[in-house]
Amino acid sequence: MRKIFVFILNIPWTILGIIIFGILSLPKNITIDRNKKVIVLIVHRLWLNEIFLGRIVNGFAIRNVILLAKNFSDSIYNHELIHISQFKKIPLFFPLFYCMEFIKNGYYKNKYEIEAYEQNLEKSV
């Protein structure tokens, strides 16, 4: 029951991920990772994110949509999968919490980024 509830709460974020970020980033390839239950869009550049962050971005996750720049690596994909799991833990409100953390601490001291980098490092060891 909780999975259905979480899914329903996050539908707006999935739509936002596909329509706003996905389509505007001009996807070169769209696939579905059935094992991880995510939609993966390969794009030339994540220019919307780059404008916001002021740096090159190779991956971005919003609910169950992952956007990857054409030069992505498995490490970047796994990092974004961790953000997907964070979305599941805090349905509906995760993007807001992430943004507040980003405003307060920046990208590299953002607790959600720290968690994603640490978990990704643990997986690769």
N, C-alpha and C. Protein backbone atom coordinates (compact mmCIF):
# COMPACT_ATOMS: atom_id res chain seq x y z
N MET A 1 0.81 -1.19 0.00
CA MET A 1 0.00 0.00 0.00
C MET A 1 0.86 1.26 0.00
N ARG A 2 1.95 1.23 0.80
CA ARG A 2 2.84 2.39 0.87
C ARG A 2 3.46 2.69 -0.49
N LYS A 3 3.85 1.64 -1.24
CA LYS A 3 4.46 1.83 -2.56
C LYS A 3 3.50 2.54 -3.52
N ILE A 4 2.24 2.16 -3.46
CA ILE A 4 1.24 2.79 -4.32
C ILE A 4 1.06 4.26 -3.93
N PHE A 5 1.01 4.51 -2.63
CA PHE A 5 0.87 5.87 -2.13
C PHE A 5 2.05 6.74 -2.57
N VAL A 6 3.26 6.22 -2.40
CA VAL A 6 4.48 6.94 -2.80
C VAL A 6 4.46 7.20 -4.30
N PHE A 7 4.07 6.20 -5.07
CA PHE A 7 4.00 6.34 -6.53
C PHE A 7 3.05 7.48 -6.91
N ILE A 8 1.87 7.48 -6.32
CA ILE A 8 0.86 8.51 -6.64
C ILE A 8 1.36 9.90 -6.25
N LEU A 9 1.97 10.02 -5.07
CA LEU A 9 2.48 11.32 -4.63
C LEU A 9 3.55 11.87 -5.56
N ASN A 10 4.31 10.98 -6.18
CA ASN A 10 5.43 11.43 -6.99
C ASN A 10 5.12 11.55 -8.48
N ILE A 11 3.89 11.28 -8.89
CA ILE A 11 3.54 11.41 -10.31
C ILE A 11 3.83 12.81 -10.84
N PRO A 12 3.50 13.89 -10.11
CA PRO A 12 3.83 15.23 -10.65
C PRO A 12 5.32 15.41 -10.92
N TRP A 13 6.17 14.86 -10.07
CA TRP A 13 7.63 14.99 -10.27
C TRP A 13 8.08 14.19 -11.49
N THR A 14 7.48 13.02 -11.70
CA THR A 14 7.82 12.23 -12.89
C THR A 14 7.44 13.00 -14.15
N ILE A 15 6.25 13.56 -14.16
CA ILE A 15 5.80 14.35 -15.32
C ILE A 15 6.73 15.55 -15.53
N LEU A 16 7.07 16.24 -14.46
CA LEU A 16 7.99 17.37 -14.55
C LEU A 16 9.33 16.92 -15.12
N GLY A 17 9.84 15.79 -14.64
CA GLY A 17 11.11 15.27 -15.12
C GLY A 17 11.10 14.97 -16.60
N ILE A 18 10.02 14.36 -17.06
CA ILE A 18 9.94 14.01 -18.47
C ILE A 18 9.69 15.23 -19.34
N ILE A 19 8.70 16.02 -18.97
CA ILE A 19 8.30 17.13 -19.84
C ILE A 19 9.27 18.30 -19.78
N ILE A 20 9.52 18.81 -18.60
CA ILE A 20 10.35 20.01 -18.49
C ILE A 20 11.82 19.70 -18.75
N PHE A 21 12.37 18.81 -17.96
CA PHE A 21 13.80 18.57 -18.10
C PHE A 21 14.11 17.67 -19.29
N GLY A 22 13.33 16.62 -19.46
CA GLY A 22 13.61 15.66 -20.52
C GLY A 22 13.46 16.23 -21.91
N ILE A 23 12.30 16.74 -22.21
CA ILE A 23 12.04 17.23 -23.57
C ILE A 23 12.86 18.48 -23.87
N LEU A 24 12.97 19.40 -22.90
CA LEU A 24 13.74 20.62 -23.15
C LEU A 24 15.24 20.36 -23.28
N SER A 25 15.69 19.23 -22.78
CA SER A 25 17.11 18.88 -22.92
C SER A 25 17.38 18.12 -24.22
N LEU A 26 16.34 17.96 -25.03
CA LEU A 26 16.45 17.32 -26.34
C LEU A 26 17.10 15.93 -26.26
N PRO A 27 16.37 14.94 -25.78
CA PRO A 27 16.95 13.60 -25.60
C PRO A 27 17.39 12.97 -26.92
N LYS A 28 18.54 12.30 -26.86
CA LYS A 28 19.06 11.58 -28.00
C LYS A 28 18.60 10.12 -27.97
N ASN A 29 18.34 9.63 -26.73
CA ASN A 29 17.95 8.25 -26.55
C ASN A 29 17.10 8.16 -25.29
N ILE A 30 16.06 7.34 -25.35
CA ILE A 30 15.21 7.12 -24.19
C ILE A 30 15.09 5.62 -23.98
N THR A 31 15.40 5.18 -22.76
CA THR A 31 15.28 3.76 -22.43
C THR A 31 14.58 3.62 -21.08
N ILE A 32 14.18 2.41 -20.79
CA ILE A 32 13.60 2.10 -19.49
C ILE A 32 14.44 1.01 -18.86
N ASP A 33 14.93 1.27 -17.66
CA ASP A 33 15.66 0.27 -16.88
C ASP A 33 14.60 -0.43 -16.02
N ARG A 34 14.14 -1.57 -16.50
CA ARG A 34 13.05 -2.27 -15.82
C ARG A 34 13.47 -2.79 -14.43
N ASN A 35 14.73 -3.15 -14.29
CA ASN A 35 15.21 -3.63 -12.99
C ASN A 35 15.15 -2.54 -11.93
N LYS A 36 15.53 -1.34 -12.29
CA LYS A 36 15.56 -0.21 -11.35
C LYS A 36 14.28 0.62 -11.38
N LYS A 37 13.40 0.30 -12.35
CA LYS A 37 12.12 1.02 -12.50
C LYS A 37 12.32 2.52 -12.73
N VAL A 38 13.21 2.85 -13.68
CA VAL A 38 13.47 4.24 -14.01
C VAL A 38 13.44 4.43 -15.53
N ILE A 39 13.10 5.65 -15.92
CA ILE A 39 13.18 6.07 -17.31
C ILE A 39 14.50 6.82 -17.45
N VAL A 40 15.29 6.44 -18.44
CA VAL A 40 16.60 7.05 -18.63
C VAL A 40 16.62 7.79 -19.96
N LEU A 41 16.93 9.08 -19.87
CA LEU A 41 17.04 9.90 -21.07
C LEU A 41 18.49 10.32 -21.23
N ILE A 42 19.07 9.99 -22.37
CA ILE A 42 20.43 10.42 -22.69
C ILE A 42 20.29 11.71 -23.50
N VAL A 43 20.95 12.76 -23.03
CA VAL A 43 20.87 14.06 -23.68
C VAL A 43 22.26 14.55 -24.06
N HIS A 44 22.32 15.52 -24.95
CA HIS A 44 23.61 16.09 -25.33
C HIS A 44 24.21 16.83 -24.14
N ARG A 45 23.42 17.71 -23.54
CA ARG A 45 23.86 18.48 -22.36
C ARG A 45 22.66 18.71 -21.45
N LEU A 46 22.91 18.82 -20.18
CA LEU A 46 21.88 19.16 -19.21
C LEU A 46 21.93 20.67 -18.99
N TRP A 47 21.61 21.41 -20.04
CA TRP A 47 21.80 22.86 -20.02
C TRP A 47 20.93 23.57 -18.99
N LEU A 48 19.71 23.08 -18.70
CA LEU A 48 18.89 23.73 -17.67
C LEU A 48 19.57 23.67 -16.31
N ASN A 49 20.12 22.51 -15.99
CA ASN A 49 20.83 22.34 -14.72
C ASN A 49 22.11 23.15 -14.70
N GLU A 50 22.80 23.22 -15.83
CA GLU A 50 24.05 23.96 -15.90
C GLU A 50 23.82 25.45 -15.67
N ILE A 51 22.72 25.97 -16.17
CA ILE A 51 22.39 27.38 -15.92
C ILE A 51 22.18 27.60 -14.43
N PHE A 52 21.43 26.71 -13.80
CA PHE A 52 21.12 26.83 -12.38
C PHE A 52 22.36 26.66 -11.50
N LEU A 53 23.20 25.66 -11.83
CA LEU A 53 24.36 25.36 -10.99
C LEU A 53 25.62 26.14 -11.40
N GLY A 54 25.66 26.62 -12.63
CA GLY A 54 26.82 27.35 -13.08
C GLY A 54 28.03 26.47 -13.34
N ARG A 55 27.78 25.20 -13.65
CA ARG A 55 28.87 24.27 -13.97
C ARG A 55 28.32 23.14 -14.84
N ILE A 56 29.21 22.36 -15.42
CA ILE A 56 28.79 21.23 -16.25
C ILE A 56 28.17 20.15 -15.37
N VAL A 57 27.05 19.61 -15.82
CA VAL A 57 26.33 18.58 -15.09
C VAL A 57 26.22 17.36 -15.99
N ASN A 58 26.55 16.18 -15.46
CA ASN A 58 26.50 14.95 -16.24
C ASN A 58 25.31 14.06 -15.91
N GLY A 59 24.61 14.34 -14.81
CA GLY A 59 23.46 13.53 -14.45
C GLY A 59 22.50 14.30 -13.58
N PHE A 60 21.23 13.89 -13.65
CA PHE A 60 20.18 14.55 -12.88
C PHE A 60 19.04 13.57 -12.72
N ALA A 61 18.48 13.50 -11.51
CA ALA A 61 17.35 12.61 -11.26
C ALA A 61 16.18 13.40 -10.71
N ILE A 62 15.01 13.09 -11.20
CA ILE A 62 13.79 13.65 -10.62
C ILE A 62 12.75 12.53 -10.63
N ARG A 63 12.45 12.09 -9.44
CA ARG A 63 11.60 10.93 -9.14
C ARG A 63 12.12 9.69 -9.85
N ASN A 64 11.43 9.13 -10.83
CA ASN A 64 11.94 7.94 -11.50
C ASN A 64 12.42 8.23 -12.92
N VAL A 65 12.90 9.46 -13.12
CA VAL A 65 13.45 9.87 -14.41
C VAL A 65 14.90 10.28 -14.18
N ILE A 66 15.80 9.68 -14.95
CA ILE A 66 17.21 10.04 -14.86
C ILE A 66 17.63 10.61 -16.21
N LEU A 67 18.23 11.79 -16.17
CA LEU A 67 18.79 12.40 -17.37
C LEU A 67 20.31 12.29 -17.26
N LEU A 68 20.93 11.81 -18.32
CA LEU A 68 22.38 11.65 -18.34
C LEU A 68 22.96 12.34 -19.56
N ALA A 69 24.02 13.10 -19.34
CA ALA A 69 24.72 13.71 -20.47
C ALA A 69 25.37 12.59 -21.27
N LYS A 70 25.60 12.83 -22.52
CA LYS A 70 26.08 11.77 -23.42
C LYS A 70 27.38 11.12 -22.97
N ASN A 71 28.17 11.80 -22.15
CA ASN A 71 29.44 11.25 -21.69
C ASN A 71 29.35 10.69 -20.27
N PHE A 72 28.19 10.17 -19.88
CA PHE A 72 28.01 9.67 -18.52
C PHE A 72 28.80 8.37 -18.29
N SER A 73 29.00 8.05 -17.02
CA SER A 73 29.66 6.81 -16.63
C SER A 73 28.72 6.01 -15.74
N ASP A 74 29.08 4.76 -15.47
CA ASP A 74 28.29 3.94 -14.54
C ASP A 74 28.22 4.59 -13.17
N SER A 75 29.29 5.24 -12.77
CA SER A 75 29.32 5.91 -11.47
C SER A 75 28.28 7.02 -11.39
N ILE A 76 28.14 7.78 -12.46
CA ILE A 76 27.14 8.86 -12.49
C ILE A 76 25.74 8.26 -12.46
N TYR A 77 25.53 7.19 -13.22
CA TYR A 77 24.22 6.53 -13.23
C TYR A 77 23.87 6.01 -11.82
N ASN A 78 24.82 5.36 -11.17
CA ASN A 78 24.59 4.84 -9.82
C ASN A 78 24.33 5.97 -8.83
N HIS A 79 25.03 7.07 -8.97
CA HIS A 79 24.82 8.25 -8.12
C HIS A 79 23.37 8.74 -8.25
N GLU A 80 22.89 8.81 -9.47
CA GLU A 80 21.52 9.27 -9.70
C GLU A 80 20.50 8.27 -9.17
N LEU A 81 20.81 6.98 -9.24
CA LEU A 81 19.92 5.96 -8.66
C LEU A 81 19.77 6.15 -7.15
N ILE A 82 20.82 6.61 -6.51
CA ILE A 82 20.75 6.89 -5.07
C ILE A 82 19.79 8.05 -4.82
N HIS A 83 19.81 9.06 -5.68
CA HIS A 83 18.85 10.15 -5.55
C HIS A 83 17.41 9.64 -5.75
N ILE A 84 17.23 8.68 -6.64
CA ILE A 84 15.91 8.08 -6.83
C ILE A 84 15.45 7.42 -5.52
N SER A 85 16.34 6.73 -4.85
CA SER A 85 15.96 6.10 -3.57
C SER A 85 15.67 7.16 -2.51
N GLN A 86 16.37 8.29 -2.56
CA GLN A 86 16.07 9.39 -1.64
C GLN A 86 14.66 9.93 -1.90
N PHE A 87 14.29 10.01 -3.16
CA PHE A 87 12.93 10.43 -3.52
C PHE A 87 11.90 9.51 -2.89
N LYS A 88 12.19 8.21 -2.92
CA LYS A 88 11.24 7.24 -2.37
C LYS A 88 11.11 7.36 -0.86
N LYS A 89 12.19 7.74 -0.20
CA LYS A 89 12.16 7.88 1.26
C LYS A 89 11.37 9.11 1.70
N ILE A 90 11.41 10.17 0.90
CA ILE A 90 10.73 11.42 1.23
C ILE A 90 9.81 11.79 0.06
N PRO A 91 8.71 11.04 -0.12
CA PRO A 91 7.86 11.30 -1.28
C PRO A 91 7.31 12.72 -1.29
N LEU A 92 7.17 13.21 -2.47
CA LEU A 92 6.60 14.52 -2.77
C LEU A 92 7.51 15.69 -2.38
N PHE A 93 8.10 15.66 -1.20
CA PHE A 93 8.83 16.81 -0.69
C PHE A 93 10.34 16.77 -0.91
N PHE A 94 10.88 15.66 -1.41
CA PHE A 94 12.34 15.57 -1.54
C PHE A 94 12.94 16.73 -2.35
N PRO A 95 12.39 17.10 -3.51
CA PRO A 95 13.01 18.21 -4.26
C PRO A 95 13.08 19.51 -3.45
N LEU A 96 12.06 19.74 -2.65
CA LEU A 96 12.06 20.96 -1.83
C LEU A 96 13.14 20.90 -0.76
N PHE A 97 13.25 19.75 -0.10
CA PHE A 97 14.29 19.58 0.92
C PHE A 97 15.68 19.68 0.29
N TYR A 98 15.82 19.07 -0.90
CA TYR A 98 17.11 19.12 -1.60
C TYR A 98 17.48 20.57 -1.91
N CYS A 99 16.52 21.33 -2.44
CA CYS A 99 16.79 22.73 -2.80
C CYS A 99 17.12 23.57 -1.57
N MET A 100 16.41 23.35 -0.46
CA MET A 100 16.71 24.10 0.76
C MET A 100 18.13 23.76 1.25
N GLU A 101 18.49 22.50 1.16
CA GLU A 101 19.84 22.08 1.55
C GLU A 101 20.88 22.69 0.62
N PHE A 102 20.57 22.76 -0.67
CA PHE A 102 21.48 23.34 -1.65
C PHE A 102 21.68 24.83 -1.37
N ILE A 103 20.59 25.54 -1.10
CA ILE A 103 20.68 26.98 -0.81
C ILE A 103 21.49 27.22 0.46
N LYS A 104 21.27 26.40 1.45
CA LYS A 104 21.93 26.56 2.75
C LYS A 104 23.41 26.18 2.69
N ASN A 105 23.74 25.07 2.03
CA ASN A 105 25.09 24.52 2.11
C ASN A 105 25.83 24.41 0.79
N GLY A 106 25.18 24.70 -0.32
CA GLY A 106 25.83 24.53 -1.62
C GLY A 106 25.78 23.08 -2.07
N TYR A 107 26.35 22.81 -3.22
CA TYR A 107 26.28 21.46 -3.81
C TYR A 107 27.11 20.45 -3.02
N TYR A 108 28.36 20.74 -2.80
CA TYR A 108 29.27 19.74 -2.22
C TYR A 108 29.03 19.46 -0.74
N LYS A 109 28.38 20.38 -0.03
CA LYS A 109 28.07 20.16 1.39
C LYS A 109 26.59 19.84 1.60
N ASN A 110 25.89 19.62 0.51
CA ASN A 110 24.49 19.22 0.55
C ASN A 110 24.43 17.79 1.09
N LYS A 111 23.68 17.55 2.17
CA LYS A 111 23.66 16.23 2.80
C LYS A 111 23.16 15.14 1.87
N TYR A 112 22.31 15.47 0.92
CA TYR A 112 21.82 14.47 -0.03
C TYR A 112 22.89 14.10 -1.05
N GLU A 113 23.70 15.07 -1.45
CA GLU A 113 24.82 14.78 -2.34
C GLU A 113 25.90 13.98 -1.60
N ILE A 114 26.17 14.36 -0.37
CA ILE A 114 27.17 13.63 0.42
C ILE A 114 26.76 12.17 0.55
N GLU A 115 25.48 11.93 0.88
CA GLU A 115 24.98 10.56 0.99
C GLU A 115 25.13 9.80 -0.32
N ALA A 116 24.78 10.45 -1.44
CA ALA A 116 24.86 9.79 -2.74
C ALA A 116 26.31 9.47 -3.11
N TYR A 117 27.23 10.40 -2.86
CA TYR A 117 28.64 10.13 -3.16
C TYR A 117 29.18 9.02 -2.27
N GLU A 118 28.84 9.03 -0.97
CA GLU A 118 29.33 8.00 -0.06
C GLU A 118 28.79 6.62 -0.41
N GLN A 119 27.50 6.51 -0.67
CA GLN A 119 26.92 5.22 -1.01
C GLN A 119 27.46 4.71 -2.33
N ASN A 120 27.66 5.61 -3.27
CA ASN A 120 28.21 5.22 -4.57
C ASN A 120 29.63 4.72 -4.42
N LEU A 121 30.40 5.37 -3.56
CA LEU A 121 31.77 4.94 -3.30
C LEU A 121 31.79 3.56 -2.65
N GLU A 122 30.89 3.32 -1.70
CA GLU A 122 30.80 2.03 -1.04
C GLU A 122 30.46 0.92 -2.04
N LYS A 123 29.60 1.19 -3.00
CA LYS A 123 29.22 0.20 -4.01
C LYS A 123 30.40 -0.15 -4.92
N SER A 124 31.23 0.83 -5.20
CA SER A 124 32.32 0.62 -6.15
C SER A 124 33.53 -0.05 -5.51
N VAL A 125 33.57 -0.11 -4.20
CA VAL A 125 34.73 -0.73 -3.52
C VAL A 125 34.54 -2.21 -3.36
